[in-house]
Amino acid sequence: MNVELSDDAERDLLNGIVFYDQNSRQAGDHFLASITADIRSLSLLGGIHATRHGFHCMSAS
């Protein structure tokens, strides 16, 4: 399954990296690694999650 991020989601992701980098570079790196793992998981498991607005969704951990 292909995973697409909306423009808002991409902006939120970049803002999250900046936010965590302000506290610690390692925190920003960890945040990005966690989100990337969640996106990969969604690409493998997509279709089993609830849909919202026609898209399969899951919460990031």
PDB file of N, CA and C in Angstrom:
ATOM      1  N   MET A   1       0.847  -1.170   0.000  1.00  0.00           N
ATOM      2  CA  MET A   1       0.000   0.000   0.000  1.00  0.00           C
ATOM      3  C   MET A   1       0.892   1.233   0.000  1.00  0.00           C
ATOM      4  N   ASN A   2       0.512   2.213  -0.798  1.00  0.00           N
ATOM      5  CA  ASN A   2       1.222   3.479  -0.807  1.00  0.00           C
ATOM      6  C   ASN A   2       0.707   4.359   0.319  1.00  0.00           C
ATOM      7  N   VAL A   3       1.605   5.039   0.981  1.00  0.00           N
ATOM      8  CA  VAL A   3       1.238   5.962   2.051  1.00  0.00           C
ATOM      9  C   VAL A   3       1.485   7.370   1.547  1.00  0.00           C
ATOM     10  N   GLU A   4       0.478   8.202   1.658  1.00  0.00           N
ATOM     11  CA  GLU A   4       0.607   9.594   1.252  1.00  0.00           C
ATOM     12  C   GLU A   4       0.343  10.484   2.457  1.00  0.00           C
ATOM     13  N   LEU A   5       1.171  11.496   2.604  1.00  0.00           N
ATOM     14  CA  LEU A   5       0.970  12.479   3.660  1.00  0.00           C
ATOM     15  C   LEU A   5       0.362  13.730   3.053  1.00  0.00           C
ATOM     16  N   SER A   6      -0.634  14.255   3.712  1.00  0.00           N
ATOM     17  CA  SER A   6      -1.205  15.519   3.252  1.00  0.00           C
ATOM     18  C   SER A   6      -0.187  16.634   3.473  1.00  0.00           C
ATOM     19  N   ASP A   7      -0.415  17.751   2.826  1.00  0.00           N
ATOM     20  CA  ASP A   7       0.469  18.898   3.032  1.00  0.00           C
ATOM     21  C   ASP A   7       0.491  19.305   4.502  1.00  0.00           C
ATOM     22  N   ASP A   8      -0.670  19.256   5.153  1.00  0.00           N
ATOM     23  CA  ASP A   8      -0.745  19.590   6.582  1.00  0.00           C
ATOM     24  C   ASP A   8       0.074  18.612   7.416  1.00  0.00           C
ATOM     25  N   ALA A   9       0.003  17.332   7.072  1.00  0.00           N
ATOM     26  CA  ALA A   9       0.756  16.325   7.823  1.00  0.00           C
ATOM     27  C   ALA A   9       2.258  16.519   7.634  1.00  0.00           C
ATOM     28  N   GLU A  10       2.671  16.824   6.411  1.00  0.00           N
ATOM     29  CA  GLU A  10       4.099  17.085   6.169  1.00  0.00           C
ATOM     30  C   GLU A  10       4.575  18.284   6.972  1.00  0.00           C
ATOM     31  N   ARG A  11       3.759  19.343   6.980  1.00  0.00           N
ATOM     32  CA  ARG A  11       4.105  20.538   7.758  1.00  0.00           C
ATOM     33  C   ARG A  11       4.201  20.207   9.247  1.00  0.00           C
ATOM     34  N   ASP A  12       3.246  19.439   9.749  1.00  0.00           N
ATOM     35  CA  ASP A  12       3.275  19.038  11.158  1.00  0.00           C
ATOM     36  C   ASP A  12       4.521  18.221  11.473  1.00  0.00           C
ATOM     37  N   LEU A  13       4.884  17.328  10.567  1.00  0.00           N
ATOM     38  CA  LEU A  13       6.073  16.501  10.754  1.00  0.00           C
ATOM     39  C   LEU A  13       7.323  17.372  10.832  1.00  0.00           C
ATOM     40  N   LEU A  14       7.467  18.292   9.904  1.00  0.00           N
ATOM     41  CA  LEU A  14       8.634  19.183   9.917  1.00  0.00           C
ATOM     42  C   LEU A  14       8.645  20.062  11.158  1.00  0.00           C
ATOM     43  N   ASN A  15       7.475  20.562  11.553  1.00  0.00           N
ATOM     44  CA  ASN A  15       7.395  21.366  12.782  1.00  0.00           C
ATOM     45  C   ASN A  15       7.750  20.537  14.007  1.00  0.00           C
ATOM     46  N   GLY A  16       7.361  19.271  14.010  1.00  0.00           N
ATOM     47  CA  GLY A  16       7.712  18.387  15.126  1.00  0.00           C
ATOM     48  C   GLY A  16       9.210  18.175  15.221  1.00  0.00           C
ATOM     49  N   ILE A  17       9.859  17.992  14.083  1.00  0.00           N
ATOM     50  CA  ILE A  17      11.319  17.817  14.087  1.00  0.00           C
ATOM     51  C   ILE A  17      11.995  19.063  14.638  1.00  0.00           C
ATOM     52  N   VAL A  18      11.560  20.233  14.174  1.00  0.00           N
ATOM     53  CA  VAL A  18      12.138  21.490  14.657  1.00  0.00           C
ATOM     54  C   VAL A  18      11.919  21.628  16.162  1.00  0.00           C
ATOM     55  N   PHE A  19      10.708  21.336  16.623  1.00  0.00           N
ATOM     56  CA  PHE A  19      10.392  21.432  18.052  1.00  0.00           C
ATOM     57  C   PHE A  19      11.316  20.551  18.877  1.00  0.00           C
ATOM     58  N   TYR A  20      11.440  19.287  18.492  1.00  0.00           N
ATOM     59  CA  TYR A  20      12.270  18.371  19.276  1.00  0.00           C
ATOM     60  C   TYR A  20      13.751  18.692  19.141  1.00  0.00           C
ATOM     61  N   ASP A  21      14.175  19.191  17.980  1.00  0.00           N
ATOM     62  CA  ASP A  21      15.578  19.592  17.809  1.00  0.00           C
ATOM     63  C   ASP A  21      15.945  20.755  18.729  1.00  0.00           C
ATOM     64  N   GLN A  22      14.975  21.586  19.063  1.00  0.00           N
ATOM     65  CA  GLN A  22      15.241  22.700  19.975  1.00  0.00           C
ATOM     66  C   GLN A  22      15.604  22.193  21.365  1.00  0.00           C
ATOM     67  N   ASN A  23      15.079  21.052  21.731  1.00  0.00           N
ATOM     68  CA  ASN A  23      15.380  20.457  23.031  1.00  0.00           C
ATOM     69  C   ASN A  23      16.671  19.647  22.988  1.00  0.00           C
ATOM     70  N   SER A  24      16.831  18.904  21.913  1.00  0.00           N
ATOM     71  CA  SER A  24      18.001  18.041  21.766  1.00  0.00           C
ATOM     72  C   SER A  24      18.003  17.494  20.350  1.00  0.00           C
ATOM     73  N   ARG A  25      19.147  17.546  19.708  1.00  0.00           N
ATOM     74  CA  ARG A  25      19.243  17.008  18.344  1.00  0.00           C
ATOM     75  C   ARG A  25      18.834  15.538  18.332  1.00  0.00           C
ATOM     76  N   GLN A  26      19.199  14.817  19.375  1.00  0.00           N
ATOM     77  CA  GLN A  26      18.842  13.395  19.426  1.00  0.00           C
ATOM     78  C   GLN A  26      17.338  13.207  19.540  1.00  0.00           C
ATOM     79  N   ALA A  27      16.662  14.143  20.189  1.00  0.00           N
ATOM     80  CA  ALA A  27      15.204  14.039  20.312  1.00  0.00           C
ATOM     81  C   ALA A  27      14.545  14.206  18.947  1.00  0.00           C
ATOM     82  N   GLY A  28      15.032  15.149  18.147  1.00  0.00           N
ATOM     83  CA  GLY A  28      14.496  15.338  16.799  1.00  0.00           C
ATOM     84  C   GLY A  28      14.748  14.129  15.924  1.00  0.00           C
ATOM     85  N   ASP A  29      15.944  13.559  16.039  1.00  0.00           N
ATOM     86  CA  ASP A  29      16.278  12.354  15.269  1.00  0.00           C
ATOM     87  C   ASP A  29      15.393  11.182  15.681  1.00  0.00           C
ATOM     88  N   HIS A  30      15.169  11.045  16.983  1.00  0.00           N
ATOM     89  CA  HIS A  30      14.326   9.956  17.492  1.00  0.00           C
ATOM     90  C   HIS A  30      12.880  10.136  17.018  1.00  0.00           C
ATOM     91  N   PHE A  31      12.395  11.370  17.066  1.00  0.00           N
ATOM     92  CA  PHE A  31      11.042  11.657  16.589  1.00  0.00           C
ATOM     93  C   PHE A  31      10.901  11.248  15.127  1.00  0.00           C
ATOM     94  N   LEU A  32      11.839  11.654  14.276  1.00  0.00           N
ATOM     95  CA  LEU A  32      11.788  11.321  12.860  1.00  0.00           C
ATOM     96  C   LEU A  32      11.860   9.811  12.642  1.00  0.00           C
ATOM     97  N   ALA A  33      12.742   9.133  13.376  1.00  0.00           N
ATOM     98  CA  ALA A  33      12.864   7.675  13.246  1.00  0.00           C
ATOM     99  C   ALA A  33      11.562   6.982  13.656  1.00  0.00           C
ATOM    100  N   SER A  34      10.925   7.471  14.707  1.00  0.00           N
ATOM    101  CA  SER A  34       9.669   6.871  15.173  1.00  0.00           C
ATOM    102  C   SER A  34       8.558   7.049  14.151  1.00  0.00           C
ATOM    103  N   ILE A  35       8.452   8.256  13.614  1.00  0.00           N
ATOM    104  CA  ILE A  35       7.408   8.517  12.617  1.00  0.00           C
ATOM    105  C   ILE A  35       7.671   7.712  11.350  1.00  0.00           C
ATOM    106  N   THR A  36       8.925   7.630  10.940  1.00  0.00           N
ATOM    107  CA  THR A  36       9.280   6.857   9.750  1.00  0.00           C
ATOM    108  C   THR A  36       8.903   5.388   9.938  1.00  0.00           C
ATOM    109  N   ALA A  37       9.170   4.841  11.123  1.00  0.00           N
ATOM    110  CA  ALA A  37       8.800   3.447  11.407  1.00  0.00           C
ATOM    111  C   ALA A  37       7.289   3.266  11.354  1.00  0.00           C
ATOM    112  N   ASP A  38       6.548   4.238  11.886  1.00  0.00           N
ATOM    113  CA  ASP A  38       5.088   4.153  11.843  1.00  0.00           C
ATOM    114  C   ASP A  38       4.572   4.191  10.410  1.00  0.00           C
ATOM    115  N   ILE A  39       5.176   5.029   9.577  1.00  0.00           N
ATOM    116  CA  ILE A  39       4.749   5.116   8.177  1.00  0.00           C
ATOM    117  C   ILE A  39       5.050   3.812   7.450  1.00  0.00           C
ATOM    118  N   ARG A  40       6.214   3.234   7.707  1.00  0.00           N
ATOM    119  CA  ARG A  40       6.529   1.933   7.090  1.00  0.00           C
ATOM    120  C   ARG A  40       5.544   0.865   7.538  1.00  0.00           C
ATOM    121  N   SER A  41       5.205   0.884   8.820  1.00  0.00           N
ATOM    122  CA  SER A  41       4.236  -0.069   9.351  1.00  0.00           C
ATOM    123  C   SER A  41       2.886   0.101   8.653  1.00  0.00           C
ATOM    124  N   LEU A  42       2.484   1.340   8.466  1.00  0.00           N
ATOM    125  CA  LEU A  42       1.211   1.595   7.799  1.00  0.00           C
ATOM    126  C   LEU A  42       1.238   1.092   6.365  1.00  0.00           C
ATOM    127  N   SER A  43       2.390   1.228   5.700  1.00  0.00           N
ATOM    128  CA  SER A  43       2.463   0.751   4.321  1.00  0.00           C
ATOM    129  C   SER A  43       2.333  -0.768   4.244  1.00  0.00           C
ATOM    130  N   LEU A  44       2.765  -1.460   5.300  1.00  0.00           N
ATOM    131  CA  LEU A  44       2.658  -2.926   5.330  1.00  0.00           C
ATOM    132  C   LEU A  44       1.295  -3.394   5.820  1.00  0.00           C
ATOM    133  N   LEU A  45       0.735  -2.683   6.784  1.00  0.00           N
ATOM    134  CA  LEU A  45      -0.497  -3.127   7.436  1.00  0.00           C
ATOM    135  C   LEU A  45      -1.718  -2.330   7.010  1.00  0.00           C
ATOM    136  N   GLY A  46      -1.514  -1.399   6.089  1.00  0.00           N
ATOM    137  CA  GLY A  46      -2.617  -0.566   5.632  1.00  0.00           C
ATOM    138  C   GLY A  46      -3.775  -1.408   5.133  1.00  0.00           C
ATOM    139  N   GLY A  47      -4.952  -0.943   5.404  1.00  0.00           N
ATOM    140  CA  GLY A  47      -6.146  -1.666   4.989  1.00  0.00           C
ATOM    141  C   GLY A  47      -6.840  -2.322   6.165  1.00  0.00           C
ATOM    142  N   ILE A  48      -6.137  -2.473   7.278  1.00  0.00           N
ATOM    143  CA  ILE A  48      -6.767  -3.067   8.454  1.00  0.00           C
ATOM    144  C   ILE A  48      -7.213  -1.986   9.443  1.00  0.00           C
ATOM    145  N   HIS A  49      -6.821  -0.749   9.167  1.00  0.00           N
ATOM    146  CA  HIS A  49      -7.142   0.360  10.066  1.00  0.00           C
ATOM    147  C   HIS A  49      -8.470   1.002   9.661  1.00  0.00           C
ATOM    148  N   ALA A  50      -9.013   1.737  10.585  1.00  0.00           N
ATOM    149  CA  ALA A  50     -10.237   2.483  10.310  1.00  0.00           C
ATOM    150  C   ALA A  50      -9.966   3.512   9.214  1.00  0.00           C
ATOM    151  N   THR A  51     -11.016   3.889   8.515  1.00  0.00           N
ATOM    152  CA  THR A  51     -10.853   4.913   7.486  1.00  0.00           C
ATOM    153  C   THR A  51     -11.471   6.221   7.961  1.00  0.00           C
ATOM    154  N   ARG A  52     -10.836   7.308   7.533  1.00  0.00           N
ATOM    155  CA  ARG A  52     -11.347   8.653   7.781  1.00  0.00           C
ATOM    156  C   ARG A  52     -11.199   9.416   6.486  1.00  0.00           C
ATOM    157  N   HIS A  53     -12.274   9.994   6.028  1.00  0.00           N
ATOM    158  CA  HIS A  53     -12.253  10.769   4.791  1.00  0.00           C
ATOM    159  C   HIS A  53     -11.715   9.939   3.618  1.00  0.00           C
ATOM    160  N   GLY A  54     -11.987   8.636   3.651  1.00  0.00           N
ATOM    161  CA  GLY A  54     -11.582   7.764   2.564  1.00  0.00           C
ATOM    162  C   GLY A  54     -10.154   7.251   2.644  1.00  0.00           C
ATOM    163  N   PHE A  55      -9.453   7.537   3.750  1.00  0.00           N
ATOM    164  CA  PHE A  55      -8.065   7.096   3.912  1.00  0.00           C
ATOM    165  C   PHE A  55      -7.942   6.209   5.136  1.00  0.00           C
ATOM    166  N   HIS A  56      -7.109   5.174   5.047  1.00  0.00           N
ATOM    167  CA  HIS A  56      -6.817   4.336   6.199  1.00  0.00           C
ATOM    168  C   HIS A  56      -5.888   5.129   7.111  1.00  0.00           C
ATOM    169  N   CYS A  57      -6.180   5.123   8.396  1.00  0.00           N
ATOM    170  CA  CYS A  57      -5.433   5.943   9.348  1.00  0.00           C
ATOM    171  C   CYS A  57      -4.997   5.132  10.556  1.00  0.00           C
ATOM    172  N   MET A  58      -3.897   5.545  11.139  1.00  0.00           N
ATOM    173  CA  MET A  58      -3.460   5.001  12.419  1.00  0.00           C
ATOM    174  C   MET A  58      -2.752   6.109  13.183  1.00  0.00           C
ATOM    175  N   SER A  59      -2.767   6.005  14.476  1.00  0.00           N
ATOM    176  CA  SER A  59      -2.073   6.987  15.308  1.00  0.00           C
ATOM    177  C   SER A  59      -0.589   6.663  15.358  1.00  0.00           C
ATOM    178  N   ALA A  60       0.210   7.704  15.387  1.00  0.00           N
ATOM    179  CA  ALA A  60       1.648   7.523  15.524  1.00  0.00           C
ATOM    180  C   ALA A  60       1.953   7.224  16.979  1.00  0.00           C
ATOM    181  N   SER A  61       2.949   6.360  17.180  1.00  0.00           N
ATOM    182  CA  SER A  61       3.299   6.012  18.560  1.00  0.00           C
ATOM    183  C   SER A  61       4.433   6.853  19.064  1.00  0.00           C
TER     184      SER A  61
END
